Amino acid sequence: MIWLWITVTALALITALGILVKTRHPRLGWTIVGLAMAAALVFAVSAAVLWSAPDSSPELEADYALLLGCSLRNGQATPELVRRCQTALDWLEAHPHGLLVVSGGDPGHQGVTEAAVMAAWLRNHGANAKQILLEDQASDTRENLLFSKTLVEGQERETDTVLIITSEYHQTRARFLAEAGGQTALGLSCRTPLIQHLLATVREVYCMANELLELAFS
């Protein structure tokens, strides 16, 4: 919610500034208003691009699947994380010889890792523990991808193609980072309630901008 308010407030303040300035300096004032409108348009287009990346065709096969974690609530899985786990469970049931990495550390310092919570949920719902690898050090999406790839390589398995399992609003950025790291990225998404999807997409715009800046200057 905070990212939506920051965006709306910033655009409103810039527009108000332009309206005030144009009473004395019309050209400058309209320029400021125009910049605010252009920024709003760019933001809206960016959000639309990130809104929902389509799932990959089911016939495409990956070397392994990667289940991305998200923040816990009092050390327990949130409804969003449960939706991600259920999507991963469905994939495991359809791929009895597939390998799934559950990735997520403890960035919220709750005393339990996201990976441990996801693995426990999957086992409790009938998943084969032999198909699951835990990556419990990552604190962001970039580390999820990098650390999981390294973990799978340690199992002497191919890592050229990864199937990313996450919420739909998160897919575009996750797949972008995987491709930037030299992998072919496929996607399998779980659905998010509309309001949560909207708020998360606003945040994703800022996250994606940060990823692009880091790549540009790395």
Protein backbone atom coordinates (compact mmCIF):
# COMPACT_ATOMS: atom_id res chain seq x y z
CA MET A 1 0.00 0.00 0.00
CA ILE A 2 2.82 2.42 0.85
CA TRP A 3 4.24 2.27 -2.69
CA LEU A 4 0.86 3.23 -4.17
CA TRP A 5 0.54 6.21 -1.83
CA ILE A 6 4.10 7.32 -2.58
CA THR A 7 3.39 7.22 -6.31
CA VAL A 8 0.05 9.02 -6.15
CA THR A 9 1.37 11.65 -3.71
CA ALA A 10 4.47 12.36 -5.78
CA LEU A 11 2.49 12.79 -9.00
CA ALA A 12 -0.10 14.97 -7.25
CA LEU A 13 2.56 17.23 -5.75
CA ILE A 14 4.36 17.67 -9.06
CA THR A 15 1.08 18.49 -10.79
CA ALA A 16 0.12 20.97 -8.07
CA LEU A 17 3.54 22.62 -8.37
CA GLY A 18 3.05 23.00 -12.11
CA ILE A 19 -0.38 24.58 -11.63
CA LEU A 20 1.05 27.07 -9.13
CA VAL A 21 4.03 27.94 -11.27
CA LYS A 22 2.02 28.48 -14.46
CA THR A 23 0.19 31.48 -12.94
CA ARG A 24 3.45 33.44 -13.27
CA HIS A 25 5.42 31.33 -15.73
CA PRO A 26 2.88 29.58 -18.00
CA ARG A 27 5.42 27.78 -20.16
CA LEU A 28 7.37 26.42 -17.21
CA GLY A 29 4.16 25.49 -15.39
CA TRP A 30 2.77 23.55 -18.33
CA THR A 31 6.13 21.84 -18.74
CA ILE A 32 5.98 20.62 -15.14
CA VAL A 33 2.39 19.43 -15.57
CA GLY A 34 3.38 17.69 -18.79
CA LEU A 35 6.26 15.93 -17.05
CA ALA A 36 3.88 14.70 -14.34
CA MET A 37 1.48 13.35 -16.96
CA ALA A 38 4.34 11.69 -18.87
CA ALA A 39 5.61 10.09 -15.65
CA ALA A 40 2.12 8.78 -14.90
CA LEU A 41 1.85 7.33 -18.40
CA VAL A 42 5.26 5.63 -18.18
CA PHE A 43 4.35 4.21 -14.78
CA ALA A 44 1.01 2.90 -16.06
CA VAL A 45 2.63 1.25 -19.10
CA SER A 46 5.32 -0.31 -16.90
CA ALA A 47 2.69 -1.68 -14.52
CA ALA A 48 0.72 -3.10 -17.45
CA VAL A 49 3.83 -4.92 -18.70
CA LEU A 50 4.48 -6.37 -15.26
CA TRP A 51 0.82 -7.12 -14.50
CA SER A 52 0.79 -10.70 -15.67
CA ALA A 53 3.40 -12.67 -17.57
CA PRO A 54 1.76 -15.60 -19.38
CA ASP A 55 2.60 -19.11 -18.22
CA SER A 56 4.92 -21.09 -20.44
CA SER A 57 3.50 -23.83 -22.65
CA PRO A 58 3.05 -27.02 -20.58
CA GLU A 59 4.91 -29.12 -23.12
CA LEU A 60 8.13 -27.16 -22.50
CA GLU A 61 10.42 -28.98 -20.08
CA ALA A 62 12.85 -27.41 -17.63
CA ASP A 63 15.95 -28.86 -16.02
CA TYR A 64 14.46 -28.03 -12.62
CA ALA A 65 11.72 -25.96 -11.03
CA LEU A 66 12.27 -23.11 -8.59
CA LEU A 67 9.64 -22.15 -6.03
CA LEU A 68 10.20 -18.58 -4.85
CA GLY A 69 9.35 -17.67 -1.29
CA CYS A 70 7.74 -14.55 0.12
CA SER A 71 7.45 -12.94 3.53
CA LEU A 72 6.17 -15.08 6.40
CA ARG A 73 3.66 -13.99 9.01
CA ASN A 74 4.68 -14.92 12.54
CA GLY A 75 6.81 -17.68 11.12
CA GLN A 76 3.90 -19.17 9.16
CA ALA A 77 3.03 -19.26 5.47
CA THR A 78 0.78 -16.45 4.27
CA PRO A 79 -2.15 -17.20 1.93
CA GLU A 80 0.02 -16.01 -0.96
CA LEU A 81 2.81 -18.42 -0.07
CA VAL A 82 0.29 -21.25 0.27
CA ARG A 83 -0.95 -20.50 -3.26
CA ARG A 84 2.63 -20.70 -4.54
CA CYS A 85 3.17 -23.99 -2.68
CA GLN A 86 -0.04 -25.47 -4.06
CA THR A 87 1.06 -24.59 -7.61
CA ALA A 88 4.41 -26.27 -6.95
CA LEU A 89 2.68 -29.33 -5.49
CA ASP A 90 0.56 -29.66 -8.63
CA TRP A 91 3.74 -29.50 -10.70
CA LEU A 92 5.44 -32.17 -8.58
CA GLU A 93 2.47 -34.49 -8.95
CA ALA A 94 2.60 -34.06 -12.72
CA HIS A 95 6.41 -34.54 -12.81
CA PRO A 96 7.27 -37.46 -10.48
CA HIS A 97 10.91 -37.37 -11.61
CA GLY A 98 11.27 -33.59 -11.52
CA LEU A 99 13.46 -31.60 -9.15
CA LEU A 100 12.07 -28.66 -7.18
CA VAL A 101 14.19 -26.10 -5.34
CA VAL A 102 12.39 -24.15 -2.61
CA SER A 103 14.25 -20.89 -2.10
CA GLY A 104 14.03 -18.28 0.62
CA GLY A 105 16.03 -17.29 3.67
CA ASP A 106 14.91 -15.39 6.75
CA PRO A 107 15.12 -11.71 5.71
CA GLY A 108 12.40 -10.84 8.23
CA HIS A 109 14.39 -12.40 11.11
CA GLN A 110 11.49 -14.57 12.27
CA GLY A 111 13.64 -17.50 13.31
CA VAL A 112 12.57 -19.77 10.46
CA THR A 113 13.39 -19.65 6.77
CA GLU A 114 10.87 -19.36 3.95
CA ALA A 115 12.45 -22.47 2.39
CA ALA A 116 11.85 -24.54 5.53
CA VAL A 117 8.22 -23.44 5.75
CA MET A 118 7.61 -24.23 2.06
CA ALA A 119 9.31 -27.62 2.27
CA ALA A 120 7.29 -28.55 5.37
CA TRP A 121 4.03 -27.51 3.68
CA LEU A 122 4.83 -29.59 0.61
CA ARG A 123 5.78 -32.67 2.62
CA ASN A 124 2.66 -32.33 4.79
CA HIS A 125 0.55 -32.29 1.64
CA GLY A 126 2.03 -35.42 0.14
CA ALA A 127 5.05 -34.23 -1.84
CA ASN A 128 7.97 -36.60 -2.26
CA ALA A 129 10.78 -35.19 -0.11
CA LYS A 130 13.38 -36.72 -2.46
CA GLN A 131 12.27 -34.30 -5.17
CA ILE A 132 12.85 -31.21 -3.03
CA LEU A 133 16.03 -29.24 -2.40
CA LEU A 134 16.21 -26.42 0.16
CA GLU A 135 18.00 -23.17 -0.56
CA ASP A 136 17.69 -21.18 2.67
CA GLN A 137 20.17 -18.31 2.31
CA ALA A 138 18.63 -16.03 -0.34
CA SER A 139 17.18 -12.68 0.72
CA ASP A 140 15.91 -11.41 -2.65
CA THR A 141 14.93 -12.64 -6.09
CA ARG A 142 18.38 -12.26 -7.58
CA GLU A 143 19.87 -14.42 -4.83
CA ASN A 144 17.00 -16.93 -5.13
CA LEU A 145 18.02 -17.57 -8.73
CA LEU A 146 21.79 -17.53 -8.23
CA PHE A 147 21.94 -19.65 -5.07
CA SER A 148 19.43 -22.19 -6.40
CA LYS A 149 21.35 -22.58 -9.66
CA THR A 150 24.53 -23.22 -7.70
CA LEU A 151 22.73 -25.76 -5.50
CA VAL A 152 21.42 -27.70 -8.50
CA GLU A 153 24.84 -27.65 -10.16
CA GLY A 154 26.15 -29.27 -6.98
CA GLN A 155 23.81 -32.17 -7.69
CA GLU A 156 25.54 -32.56 -11.08
CA ARG A 157 22.36 -31.67 -12.94
CA GLU A 158 21.78 -29.33 -15.87
CA THR A 159 20.69 -25.78 -15.09
CA ASP A 160 20.23 -24.28 -18.56
CA THR A 161 16.44 -24.04 -18.23
CA VAL A 162 14.56 -23.16 -15.05
CA LEU A 163 10.82 -23.19 -14.41
CA ILE A 164 9.99 -20.35 -12.03
CA ILE A 165 6.97 -20.85 -9.79
CA THR A 166 5.74 -17.66 -8.19
CA SER A 167 2.87 -15.16 -8.17
CA GLU A 168 1.92 -13.82 -11.60
CA TYR A 169 2.90 -10.20 -10.84
CA HIS A 170 6.39 -11.43 -9.88
CA GLN A 171 6.99 -13.52 -12.99
CA THR A 172 8.23 -10.80 -15.36
CA ARG A 173 11.00 -9.62 -13.03
CA ALA A 174 12.00 -13.13 -11.96
CA ARG A 175 12.23 -14.37 -15.53
CA PHE A 176 14.11 -11.23 -16.58
CA LEU A 177 16.73 -11.83 -13.88
CA ALA A 178 17.05 -15.50 -14.82
CA GLU A 179 17.60 -14.59 -18.48
CA ALA A 180 20.12 -11.92 -17.45
CA GLY A 181 21.96 -14.67 -15.58
CA GLY A 182 22.23 -16.78 -18.71
CA GLN A 183 19.35 -19.19 -18.17
CA THR A 184 16.27 -19.90 -20.24
CA ALA A 185 13.34 -19.08 -17.97
CA LEU A 186 9.91 -20.68 -18.08
CA GLY A 187 7.05 -19.59 -15.86
CA LEU A 188 4.25 -21.20 -13.87
CA SER A 189 2.15 -18.73 -11.90
CA CYS A 190 -0.36 -18.79 -9.10
CA ARG A 191 -3.18 -16.26 -9.08
CA THR A 192 -3.42 -13.33 -6.70
CA PRO A 193 -6.59 -11.52 -5.50
CA LEU A 194 -7.18 -8.35 -7.52
CA ILE A 195 -6.41 -5.69 -4.89
CA GLN A 196 -3.28 -7.48 -3.68
CA HIS A 197 -2.25 -7.98 -7.30
CA LEU A 198 -2.62 -4.25 -7.99
CA LEU A 199 -0.65 -3.16 -4.92
CA ALA A 200 2.09 -5.72 -5.56
CA THR A 201 2.40 -4.62 -9.19
CA VAL A 202 2.99 -1.02 -8.10
CA ARG A 203 5.83 -2.22 -5.90
CA GLU A 204 7.19 -4.36 -8.75
CA VAL A 205 7.59 -1.26 -10.94
CA TYR A 206 10.08 0.16 -8.41
CA CYS A 207 11.79 -3.20 -7.95
CA MET A 208 12.19 -3.65 -11.70
CA ALA A 209 13.60 -0.14 -12.07
CA ASN A 210 16.12 -0.94 -9.34
CA GLU A 211 17.12 -4.21 -11.08
CA LEU A 212 17.65 -2.38 -14.37
CA LEU A 213 19.82 0.25 -12.69
CA GLU A 214 21.91 -2.41 -10.91
CA LEU A 215 22.47 -4.27 -14.17
CA ALA A 216 23.33 -1.06 -16.01
CA PHE A 217 25.99 -0.08 -13.49
CA SER A 218 27.32 -3.51 -12.51
